[in-house]
N, C-alpha and C. Protein backbone atom coordinates (compact mmCIF):
# COMPACT_ATOMS: atom_id res chain seq x y z
N UNK A 1 0.77 -1.21 0.01
CA UNK A 1 0.01 0.00 0.01
C UNK A 1 0.84 1.27 0.01
N UNK A 2 2.14 1.13 0.23
CA UNK A 2 2.91 2.34 0.38
C UNK A 2 3.76 2.64 -0.87
N UNK A 3 3.08 3.08 -1.94
CA UNK A 3 3.77 3.46 -3.16
C UNK A 3 3.81 4.97 -3.33
N UNK A 4 3.59 5.69 -2.26
CA UNK A 4 3.46 7.15 -2.33
C UNK A 4 4.76 7.90 -2.42
N UNK A 5 5.87 7.19 -2.34
CA UNK A 5 7.13 7.91 -2.31
C UNK A 5 7.81 8.07 -3.71
N UNK A 6 7.33 7.40 -4.68
CA UNK A 6 7.90 7.51 -6.04
C UNK A 6 7.01 8.34 -6.94
N UNK A 7 6.79 9.56 -6.53
CA UNK A 7 5.87 10.43 -7.26
C UNK A 7 6.61 11.62 -7.84
N UNK A 8 6.05 12.20 -8.91
CA UNK A 8 6.69 13.37 -9.47
C UNK A 8 6.70 14.52 -8.48
N UNK A 9 7.71 15.34 -8.57
CA UNK A 9 7.80 16.49 -7.69
C UNK A 9 7.93 17.77 -8.53
N UNK A 10 7.58 18.86 -7.95
CA UNK A 10 7.70 20.15 -8.60
C UNK A 10 7.89 21.15 -7.48
N UNK A 11 8.53 22.27 -7.75
CA UNK A 11 8.78 23.25 -6.73
C UNK A 11 7.79 24.41 -6.82
N UNK A 12 7.83 25.28 -5.84
CA UNK A 12 6.95 26.41 -5.79
C UNK A 12 7.22 27.42 -6.94
N UNK A 13 8.42 27.34 -7.54
CA UNK A 13 8.71 28.20 -8.67
C UNK A 13 7.96 27.76 -9.94
N UNK A 14 7.32 26.62 -9.88
CA UNK A 14 6.48 26.11 -10.95
C UNK A 14 5.14 25.66 -10.36
N UNK A 15 4.31 26.62 -9.95
CA UNK A 15 3.10 26.27 -9.17
C UNK A 15 2.09 25.42 -9.97
N UNK A 16 2.01 25.59 -11.28
CA UNK A 16 1.02 24.75 -12.01
C UNK A 16 1.49 23.31 -12.07
N UNK A 17 2.78 23.09 -12.27
CA UNK A 17 3.31 21.78 -12.21
C UNK A 17 3.20 21.12 -10.85
N UNK A 18 3.30 21.96 -9.84
CA UNK A 18 3.11 21.48 -8.46
C UNK A 18 1.65 21.00 -8.26
N UNK A 19 0.70 21.73 -8.81
CA UNK A 19 -0.67 21.29 -8.71
C UNK A 19 -0.89 19.95 -9.45
N UNK A 20 -0.24 19.79 -10.58
CA UNK A 20 -0.35 18.50 -11.31
C UNK A 20 0.27 17.37 -10.48
N UNK A 21 1.43 17.63 -9.87
CA UNK A 21 2.02 16.60 -9.02
C UNK A 21 1.12 16.27 -7.85
N UNK A 22 0.45 17.25 -7.33
CA UNK A 22 -0.49 17.00 -6.21
C UNK A 22 -1.66 16.16 -6.73
N UNK A 23 -2.12 16.40 -7.93
CA UNK A 23 -3.18 15.59 -8.51
C UNK A 23 -2.80 14.14 -8.56
N UNK A 24 -1.57 13.87 -8.94
CA UNK A 24 -1.07 12.48 -8.95
C UNK A 24 -1.21 11.87 -7.53
N UNK A 25 -0.81 12.63 -6.54
CA UNK A 25 -0.86 12.15 -5.17
C UNK A 25 -2.32 11.97 -4.70
N UNK A 26 -3.18 12.90 -5.10
CA UNK A 26 -4.60 12.76 -4.74
C UNK A 26 -5.16 11.45 -5.31
N UNK A 27 -4.85 11.23 -6.61
CA UNK A 27 -5.38 9.97 -7.22
C UNK A 27 -4.82 8.72 -6.57
N UNK A 28 -3.53 8.75 -6.22
CA UNK A 28 -2.93 7.60 -5.56
C UNK A 28 -3.49 7.36 -4.18
N UNK A 29 -3.76 8.45 -3.46
CA UNK A 29 -4.37 8.31 -2.14
C UNK A 29 -5.82 7.85 -2.23
N UNK A 30 -6.52 8.29 -3.28
CA UNK A 30 -7.87 7.76 -3.51
C UNK A 30 -7.86 6.26 -3.79
N UNK A 31 -6.90 5.80 -4.58
CA UNK A 31 -6.75 4.37 -4.82
C UNK A 31 -6.40 3.61 -3.57
N UNK A 32 -5.57 4.27 -2.74
CA UNK A 32 -5.20 3.64 -1.43
C UNK A 32 -6.47 3.46 -0.60
N UNK A 33 -7.33 4.48 -0.59
CA UNK A 33 -8.57 4.41 0.19
C UNK A 33 -9.48 3.31 -0.38
N UNK A 34 -9.49 3.15 -1.68
CA UNK A 34 -10.28 2.06 -2.25
C UNK A 34 -9.77 0.71 -1.80
N UNK A 35 -8.43 0.59 -1.75
CA UNK A 35 -7.83 -0.67 -1.30
C UNK A 35 -8.09 -0.91 0.20
N UNK A 36 -8.10 0.15 0.96
CA UNK A 36 -8.46 0.06 2.41
C UNK A 36 -9.85 -0.51 2.56
N UNK A 37 -10.81 0.03 1.83
CA UNK A 37 -12.18 -0.45 1.95
C UNK A 37 -12.28 -1.94 1.53
N UNK A 38 -11.57 -2.29 0.46
CA UNK A 38 -11.59 -3.72 0.05
C UNK A 38 -10.91 -4.60 1.09
N UNK A 39 -9.82 -4.14 1.62
CA UNK A 39 -9.09 -4.90 2.62
C UNK A 39 -9.95 -5.12 3.88
N UNK A 40 -10.62 -4.07 4.29
CA UNK A 40 -11.51 -4.22 5.47
C UNK A 40 -12.60 -5.26 5.25
N UNK A 41 -13.11 -5.27 3.99
CA UNK A 41 -14.17 -6.24 3.68
C UNK A 41 -13.64 -7.66 3.69
N UNK A 42 -12.39 -7.85 3.18
CA UNK A 42 -11.78 -9.17 3.02
C UNK A 42 -11.08 -9.63 4.29
N UNK A 43 -10.34 -8.73 4.90
CA UNK A 43 -9.42 -9.14 5.99
C UNK A 43 -9.74 -8.53 7.35
N UNK A 44 -10.53 -7.47 7.34
CA UNK A 44 -10.79 -6.77 8.60
C UNK A 44 -9.63 -5.82 9.00
N UNK A 45 -9.64 -5.37 10.20
CA UNK A 45 -8.62 -4.42 10.68
C UNK A 45 -7.32 -5.18 11.06
N UNK A 46 -6.23 -4.73 10.51
CA UNK A 46 -4.92 -5.20 10.88
C UNK A 46 -3.91 -4.07 10.79
N UNK A 47 -2.68 -4.35 11.14
CA UNK A 47 -1.69 -3.30 11.18
C UNK A 47 -1.53 -2.58 9.86
N UNK A 48 -1.54 -3.33 8.77
CA UNK A 48 -1.37 -2.72 7.43
C UNK A 48 -2.46 -1.68 7.16
N UNK A 49 -3.70 -2.04 7.41
CA UNK A 49 -4.79 -1.12 7.11
C UNK A 49 -4.84 0.02 8.09
N UNK A 50 -4.41 -0.15 9.33
CA UNK A 50 -4.32 0.92 10.29
C UNK A 50 -3.32 1.97 9.81
N UNK A 51 -2.15 1.51 9.38
CA UNK A 51 -1.09 2.42 8.91
C UNK A 51 -1.54 3.11 7.61
N UNK A 52 -2.17 2.39 6.71
CA UNK A 52 -2.61 2.98 5.46
C UNK A 52 -3.71 4.03 5.70
N UNK A 53 -4.60 3.74 6.64
CA UNK A 53 -5.67 4.69 6.98
C UNK A 53 -5.08 6.00 7.57
N UNK A 54 -4.12 5.82 8.46
CA UNK A 54 -3.47 7.02 9.05
C UNK A 54 -2.77 7.83 7.98
N UNK A 55 -2.11 7.15 7.00
CA UNK A 55 -1.44 7.83 5.90
C UNK A 55 -2.41 8.63 5.05
N UNK A 56 -3.54 8.02 4.68
CA UNK A 56 -4.53 8.70 3.83
C UNK A 56 -5.12 9.91 4.61
N UNK A 57 -5.36 9.73 5.90
CA UNK A 57 -5.85 10.84 6.71
C UNK A 57 -4.86 12.03 6.72
N UNK A 58 -3.57 11.72 6.97
CA UNK A 58 -2.57 12.77 6.97
C UNK A 58 -2.54 13.48 5.62
N UNK A 59 -2.57 12.73 4.55
CA UNK A 59 -2.44 13.36 3.24
C UNK A 59 -3.61 14.34 3.00
N UNK A 60 -4.85 13.84 3.12
CA UNK A 60 -5.97 14.69 2.80
C UNK A 60 -6.19 15.82 3.80
N UNK A 61 -5.86 15.58 5.06
CA UNK A 61 -6.06 16.62 6.06
C UNK A 61 -5.05 17.75 5.90
N UNK A 62 -3.91 17.47 5.36
CA UNK A 62 -2.89 18.53 5.22
C UNK A 62 -2.73 18.94 3.74
N UNK A 63 -2.15 18.06 2.95
CA UNK A 63 -1.88 18.40 1.56
C UNK A 63 -3.18 18.64 0.77
N UNK A 64 -4.15 17.82 0.97
CA UNK A 64 -5.40 17.97 0.26
C UNK A 64 -6.07 19.30 0.58
N UNK A 65 -6.08 19.67 1.82
CA UNK A 65 -6.65 20.94 2.25
C UNK A 65 -5.87 22.12 1.64
N UNK A 66 -4.52 22.03 1.71
CA UNK A 66 -3.71 23.10 1.15
C UNK A 66 -3.92 23.21 -0.38
N UNK A 67 -4.09 22.10 -1.04
CA UNK A 67 -4.28 22.11 -2.49
C UNK A 67 -5.55 22.90 -2.83
N UNK A 68 -6.64 22.62 -2.14
CA UNK A 68 -7.87 23.33 -2.43
C UNK A 68 -7.68 24.84 -2.12
N UNK A 69 -6.98 25.16 -1.07
CA UNK A 69 -6.74 26.57 -0.76
C UNK A 69 -5.84 27.21 -1.83
N UNK A 70 -4.85 26.48 -2.37
CA UNK A 70 -4.02 27.01 -3.44
C UNK A 70 -4.88 27.48 -4.60
N UNK A 71 -5.89 26.69 -4.92
CA UNK A 71 -6.73 27.03 -6.04
C UNK A 71 -7.72 28.14 -5.66
N UNK A 72 -8.41 27.94 -4.54
CA UNK A 72 -9.43 28.90 -4.13
C UNK A 72 -8.87 30.31 -3.82
N UNK A 73 -7.75 30.35 -3.16
CA UNK A 73 -7.21 31.66 -2.70
C UNK A 73 -6.21 32.26 -3.63
N UNK A 74 -5.61 31.48 -4.48
CA UNK A 74 -4.52 32.00 -5.33
C UNK A 74 -4.83 31.89 -6.81
N UNK A 75 -5.01 30.65 -7.28
CA UNK A 75 -5.11 30.43 -8.73
C UNK A 75 -6.45 31.01 -9.32
N UNK A 76 -7.55 30.69 -8.68
CA UNK A 76 -8.84 31.21 -9.18
C UNK A 76 -8.89 32.73 -9.23
N UNK A 77 -8.50 33.39 -8.14
CA UNK A 77 -8.51 34.88 -8.19
C UNK A 77 -7.53 35.42 -9.27
N UNK A 78 -6.39 34.79 -9.45
CA UNK A 78 -5.42 35.25 -10.45
C UNK A 78 -6.06 35.12 -11.86
N UNK A 79 -6.73 34.00 -12.10
CA UNK A 79 -7.36 33.83 -13.43
C UNK A 79 -8.48 34.83 -13.64
N UNK A 80 -9.29 35.04 -12.64
CA UNK A 80 -10.36 36.02 -12.78
C UNK A 80 -9.81 37.41 -13.00
N UNK A 81 -8.76 37.75 -12.34
CA UNK A 81 -8.15 39.07 -12.51
C UNK A 81 -7.56 39.24 -13.90
N UNK A 82 -7.01 38.14 -14.45
CA UNK A 82 -6.33 38.19 -15.74
C UNK A 82 -7.28 38.06 -16.95
N UNK A 83 -8.52 37.65 -16.69
CA UNK A 83 -9.42 37.37 -17.78
C UNK A 83 -9.81 38.68 -18.50
N UNK A 84 -9.77 38.61 -19.82
CA UNK A 84 -10.27 39.71 -20.65
C UNK A 84 -11.80 39.74 -20.54
N UNK A 85 -12.39 40.80 -21.02
CA UNK A 85 -13.83 40.93 -21.01
C UNK A 85 -14.49 39.78 -21.77
N UNK A 86 -13.87 39.35 -22.84
CA UNK A 86 -14.45 38.27 -23.65
C UNK A 86 -14.27 36.90 -22.96
N UNK A 87 -13.16 36.74 -22.22
CA UNK A 87 -12.89 35.46 -21.52
C UNK A 87 -13.59 35.35 -20.18
N UNK A 88 -13.96 36.50 -19.62
CA UNK A 88 -14.46 36.49 -18.22
C UNK A 88 -15.66 35.58 -17.97
N UNK A 89 -16.69 35.60 -18.79
CA UNK A 89 -17.81 34.71 -18.49
C UNK A 89 -17.42 33.23 -18.45
N UNK A 90 -16.58 32.81 -19.35
CA UNK A 90 -16.11 31.41 -19.37
C UNK A 90 -15.27 31.09 -18.14
N UNK A 91 -14.42 32.02 -17.77
CA UNK A 91 -13.57 31.80 -16.59
C UNK A 91 -14.39 31.76 -15.31
N UNK A 92 -15.36 32.70 -15.21
CA UNK A 92 -16.26 32.69 -14.06
C UNK A 92 -17.01 31.42 -13.94
N UNK A 93 -17.54 30.90 -15.06
CA UNK A 93 -18.30 29.65 -15.07
C UNK A 93 -17.42 28.48 -14.63
N UNK A 94 -16.20 28.42 -15.16
CA UNK A 94 -15.26 27.35 -14.81
C UNK A 94 -14.95 27.39 -13.32
N UNK A 95 -14.58 28.58 -12.81
CA UNK A 95 -14.23 28.73 -11.39
C UNK A 95 -15.41 28.37 -10.49
N UNK A 96 -16.60 28.75 -10.91
CA UNK A 96 -17.81 28.41 -10.13
C UNK A 96 -18.02 26.91 -10.08
N UNK A 97 -17.85 26.20 -11.20
CA UNK A 97 -18.01 24.77 -11.25
C UNK A 97 -16.96 24.11 -10.35
N UNK A 98 -15.71 24.56 -10.44
CA UNK A 98 -14.65 23.95 -9.62
C UNK A 98 -14.84 24.22 -8.14
N UNK A 99 -15.31 25.39 -7.80
CA UNK A 99 -15.60 25.68 -6.37
C UNK A 99 -16.74 24.77 -5.87
N UNK A 100 -17.75 24.61 -6.69
CA UNK A 100 -18.85 23.69 -6.31
C UNK A 100 -18.32 22.26 -6.15
N UNK A 101 -17.41 21.86 -7.04
CA UNK A 101 -16.77 20.53 -6.92
C UNK A 101 -16.06 20.43 -5.59
N UNK A 102 -15.36 21.47 -5.16
CA UNK A 102 -14.60 21.46 -3.91
C UNK A 102 -15.57 21.22 -2.73
N UNK A 103 -16.72 21.86 -2.79
CA UNK A 103 -17.72 21.66 -1.73
C UNK A 103 -18.17 20.17 -1.71
N UNK A 104 -18.48 19.64 -2.88
CA UNK A 104 -18.91 18.21 -2.97
C UNK A 104 -17.78 17.31 -2.49
N UNK A 105 -16.57 17.57 -2.91
CA UNK A 105 -15.43 16.74 -2.51
C UNK A 105 -15.22 16.77 -1.01
N UNK A 106 -15.32 17.94 -0.40
CA UNK A 106 -15.18 18.07 1.04
C UNK A 106 -16.26 17.28 1.79
N UNK A 107 -17.50 17.31 1.27
CA UNK A 107 -18.58 16.54 1.86
C UNK A 107 -18.27 15.06 1.81
N UNK A 108 -17.88 14.59 0.61
CA UNK A 108 -17.51 13.16 0.48
C UNK A 108 -16.37 12.75 1.38
N UNK A 109 -15.35 13.67 1.42
CA UNK A 109 -14.18 13.39 2.26
C UNK A 109 -14.58 13.30 3.72
N UNK A 110 -15.49 14.12 4.16
CA UNK A 110 -15.88 14.07 5.57
C UNK A 110 -16.48 12.71 5.93
N UNK A 111 -17.24 12.13 4.99
CA UNK A 111 -17.80 10.78 5.25
C UNK A 111 -16.68 9.76 5.30
N UNK A 112 -15.78 9.82 4.33
CA UNK A 112 -14.67 8.86 4.27
C UNK A 112 -13.74 9.05 5.46
N UNK A 113 -13.49 10.30 5.82
CA UNK A 113 -12.59 10.62 6.96
C UNK A 113 -13.05 9.98 8.23
N UNK A 114 -14.33 10.07 8.51
CA UNK A 114 -14.85 9.50 9.75
C UNK A 114 -14.57 7.98 9.81
N UNK A 115 -14.72 7.28 8.72
CA UNK A 115 -14.41 5.86 8.65
C UNK A 115 -12.95 5.61 8.81
N UNK A 116 -12.12 6.41 8.14
CA UNK A 116 -10.62 6.21 8.24
C UNK A 116 -10.16 6.47 9.65
N UNK A 117 -10.74 7.46 10.36
CA UNK A 117 -10.35 7.73 11.73
C UNK A 117 -10.58 6.53 12.59
N UNK A 118 -11.76 5.88 12.40
CA UNK A 118 -12.09 4.73 13.20
C UNK A 118 -11.06 3.62 12.94
N UNK A 119 -10.77 3.38 11.67
CA UNK A 119 -9.83 2.28 11.31
C UNK A 119 -8.44 2.63 11.80
N UNK A 120 -7.99 3.87 11.64
CA UNK A 120 -6.65 4.27 12.04
C UNK A 120 -6.50 4.10 13.57
N UNK A 121 -7.62 4.16 14.31
CA UNK A 121 -7.56 3.93 15.77
C UNK A 121 -7.62 2.44 16.10
N UNK A 122 -7.65 1.58 15.07
CA UNK A 122 -7.62 0.17 15.30
C UNK A 122 -8.98 -0.48 15.53
N UNK A 123 -10.02 0.29 15.29
CA UNK A 123 -11.36 -0.22 15.48
C UNK A 123 -12.00 -0.62 14.13
N UNK A 124 -12.85 -1.59 14.19
CA UNK A 124 -13.53 -2.06 12.97
C UNK A 124 -14.55 -1.05 12.50
N UNK A 125 -14.73 -0.95 11.19
CA UNK A 125 -15.70 -0.04 10.62
C UNK A 125 -16.28 -0.62 9.39
N UNK A 126 -17.56 -0.40 9.15
CA UNK A 126 -18.18 -0.77 7.91
C UNK A 126 -17.82 0.32 6.91
N UNK A 127 -16.96 0.02 5.95
CA UNK A 127 -16.48 0.97 4.97
C UNK A 127 -16.91 0.48 3.61
N UNK A 128 -18.06 0.97 3.17
CA UNK A 128 -18.57 0.48 1.88
C UNK A 128 -17.57 0.83 0.71
N UNK A 129 -17.12 -0.16 -0.01
CA UNK A 129 -16.23 0.13 -1.16
C UNK A 129 -16.86 1.11 -2.13
N UNK A 130 -18.17 1.14 -2.18
CA UNK A 130 -18.85 2.08 -3.09
C UNK A 130 -18.59 3.54 -2.66
N UNK A 131 -18.42 3.78 -1.37
CA UNK A 131 -18.08 5.16 -0.90
C UNK A 131 -16.69 5.53 -1.28
N UNK A 132 -15.74 4.61 -1.14
CA UNK A 132 -14.37 4.85 -1.55
C UNK A 132 -14.30 5.11 -3.05
N UNK A 133 -15.05 4.30 -3.81
CA UNK A 133 -15.06 4.45 -5.27
C UNK A 133 -15.68 5.80 -5.67
N UNK A 134 -16.69 6.23 -4.93
CA UNK A 134 -17.34 7.51 -5.23
C UNK A 134 -16.37 8.65 -5.00
N UNK A 135 -15.54 8.60 -3.96
CA UNK A 135 -14.53 9.64 -3.73
C UNK A 135 -13.51 9.64 -4.87
N UNK A 136 -13.03 8.46 -5.27
CA UNK A 136 -12.09 8.38 -6.37
C UNK A 136 -12.65 8.95 -7.67
N UNK A 137 -13.89 8.54 -7.97
CA UNK A 137 -14.54 8.99 -9.20
C UNK A 137 -14.71 10.52 -9.21
N UNK A 138 -15.16 11.08 -8.04
CA UNK A 138 -15.40 12.48 -7.96
C UNK A 138 -14.07 13.24 -8.14
N UNK A 139 -12.98 12.75 -7.51
CA UNK A 139 -11.73 13.41 -7.69
C UNK A 139 -11.20 13.25 -9.11
N UNK A 140 -11.38 12.09 -9.71
CA UNK A 140 -10.92 11.86 -11.08
C UNK A 140 -11.62 12.86 -12.04
N UNK A 141 -12.93 13.00 -11.89
CA UNK A 141 -13.67 13.93 -12.75
C UNK A 141 -13.20 15.36 -12.54
N UNK A 142 -13.01 15.75 -11.30
CA UNK A 142 -12.56 17.08 -10.96
C UNK A 142 -11.17 17.38 -11.52
N UNK A 143 -10.27 16.43 -11.29
CA UNK A 143 -8.88 16.60 -11.80
C UNK A 143 -8.85 16.64 -13.30
N UNK A 144 -9.66 15.82 -13.97
CA UNK A 144 -9.73 15.83 -15.44
C UNK A 144 -10.10 17.25 -15.93
N UNK A 145 -11.06 17.86 -15.30
CA UNK A 145 -11.46 19.22 -15.74
C UNK A 145 -10.35 20.22 -15.41
N UNK A 146 -9.72 20.11 -14.24
CA UNK A 146 -8.62 21.04 -13.92
C UNK A 146 -7.48 20.89 -14.91
N UNK A 147 -7.08 19.69 -15.18
CA UNK A 147 -5.91 19.47 -16.05
C UNK A 147 -6.27 19.68 -17.52
N UNK A 148 -7.53 19.48 -17.88
CA UNK A 148 -7.91 19.64 -19.27
C UNK A 148 -8.31 21.04 -19.63
N UNK A 149 -8.81 21.81 -18.63
CA UNK A 149 -9.33 23.15 -18.92
C UNK A 149 -8.60 24.21 -18.08
N UNK A 150 -8.68 24.08 -16.76
CA UNK A 150 -8.13 25.12 -15.88
C UNK A 150 -6.65 25.38 -16.08
N UNK A 151 -5.82 24.35 -16.00
CA UNK A 151 -4.38 24.57 -16.05
C UNK A 151 -3.91 25.02 -17.43
N UNK A 152 -4.45 24.51 -18.52
CA UNK A 152 -4.08 25.08 -19.83
C UNK A 152 -4.43 26.55 -19.95
N UNK A 153 -5.60 26.89 -19.37
CA UNK A 153 -6.05 28.32 -19.37
C UNK A 153 -5.06 29.14 -18.58
N UNK A 154 -4.68 28.68 -17.40
CA UNK A 154 -3.73 29.39 -16.57
C UNK A 154 -2.38 29.54 -17.28
N UNK A 155 -1.90 28.50 -17.99
CA UNK A 155 -0.66 28.62 -18.71
C UNK A 155 -0.75 29.68 -19.78
N UNK A 156 -1.93 29.76 -20.41
CA UNK A 156 -2.11 30.75 -21.48
C UNK A 156 -2.30 32.17 -20.97
N UNK A 157 -2.99 32.31 -19.86
CA UNK A 157 -3.40 33.64 -19.40
C UNK A 157 -2.47 34.29 -18.39
N UNK A 158 -1.81 33.50 -17.56
CA UNK A 158 -1.09 34.11 -16.41
C UNK A 158 0.34 34.44 -16.77
N UNK A 159 0.78 35.68 -16.58
CA UNK A 159 2.17 36.02 -16.79
C UNK A 159 3.07 35.40 -15.68
N UNK A 160 4.32 35.35 -16.00
CA UNK A 160 5.33 34.76 -15.11
C UNK A 160 5.23 35.40 -13.72
N UNK A 161 5.08 36.71 -13.64
CA UNK A 161 5.07 37.39 -12.37
C UNK A 161 3.89 36.92 -11.50
N UNK A 162 2.74 36.72 -12.14
CA UNK A 162 1.59 36.24 -11.40
C UNK A 162 1.82 34.81 -10.90
N UNK A 163 2.39 33.96 -11.76
CA UNK A 163 2.68 32.60 -11.36
C UNK A 163 3.71 32.57 -10.22
N UNK A 164 4.63 33.50 -10.18
CA UNK A 164 5.57 33.60 -9.12
C UNK A 164 4.87 33.95 -7.80
N UNK A 165 3.90 34.87 -7.86
CA UNK A 165 3.13 35.25 -6.68
C UNK A 165 2.30 34.04 -6.18
N UNK A 166 1.71 33.32 -7.11
CA UNK A 166 0.91 32.15 -6.74
C UNK A 166 1.82 31.13 -6.03
N UNK A 167 2.98 30.89 -6.64
CA UNK A 167 3.93 29.92 -6.05
C UNK A 167 4.43 30.37 -4.66
N UNK A 168 4.68 31.67 -4.51
CA UNK A 168 5.12 32.17 -3.23
C UNK A 168 4.06 32.01 -2.16
N UNK A 169 2.83 32.28 -2.54
CA UNK A 169 1.73 32.10 -1.60
C UNK A 169 1.55 30.63 -1.21
N UNK A 170 1.71 29.73 -2.15
CA UNK A 170 1.59 28.31 -1.88
C UNK A 170 2.70 27.90 -0.90
N UNK A 171 3.90 28.43 -1.12
CA UNK A 171 5.03 28.12 -0.20
C UNK A 171 4.76 28.61 1.21
N UNK A 172 4.28 29.87 1.31
CA UNK A 172 3.94 30.42 2.63
C UNK A 172 2.90 29.59 3.35
N UNK A 173 1.92 29.14 2.60
CA UNK A 173 0.83 28.32 3.21
C UNK A 173 1.43 27.09 3.88
N UNK A 174 2.52 26.57 3.33
CA UNK A 174 3.15 25.35 3.82
C UNK A 174 4.32 25.66 4.78
N UNK A 175 4.52 26.93 5.09
CA UNK A 175 5.59 27.27 6.00
C UNK A 175 6.96 27.25 5.39
N UNK A 176 7.01 27.28 4.03
CA UNK A 176 8.30 27.28 3.35
C UNK A 176 8.70 28.71 3.03
N UNK A 177 9.95 29.06 3.34
CA UNK A 177 10.39 30.42 3.14
C UNK A 177 11.02 30.59 1.77
């Protein structure tokens, strides 16, 4: 279950690539959660699933939260500010959809989180694999739109100086100087 260390990396000087690298981690952690649900159904609670549950909790509680903030507080406002009059309605619509997605993802995560907390504490939990699959599917759909529409738009619209500010803000959020 622990394949999370061989992932692409990017620095704050390349914030869009950093978001893509985070998407890879989100998808891998979603797959981990799916395996946790399957493991619980087949094997029950054991040390492996306790460790995996704690790992998924740490990831989504810290990096996942920061990732949404990176977009909500930095990238979305930068895109809206950079949008021309003709681009603005499309950018506003995209940002609105992605913000709505974030709300839905947070709601799904809160359901999954409660189950993972129980398992990470070594207690048995009914963790429907369909719930884990729903989280994965929701993130896959969201990431597909971000990588297919949002990030190409950001690459086209945002000047280097703006991307530097976005990256610096992302670094500050994580306590990196």
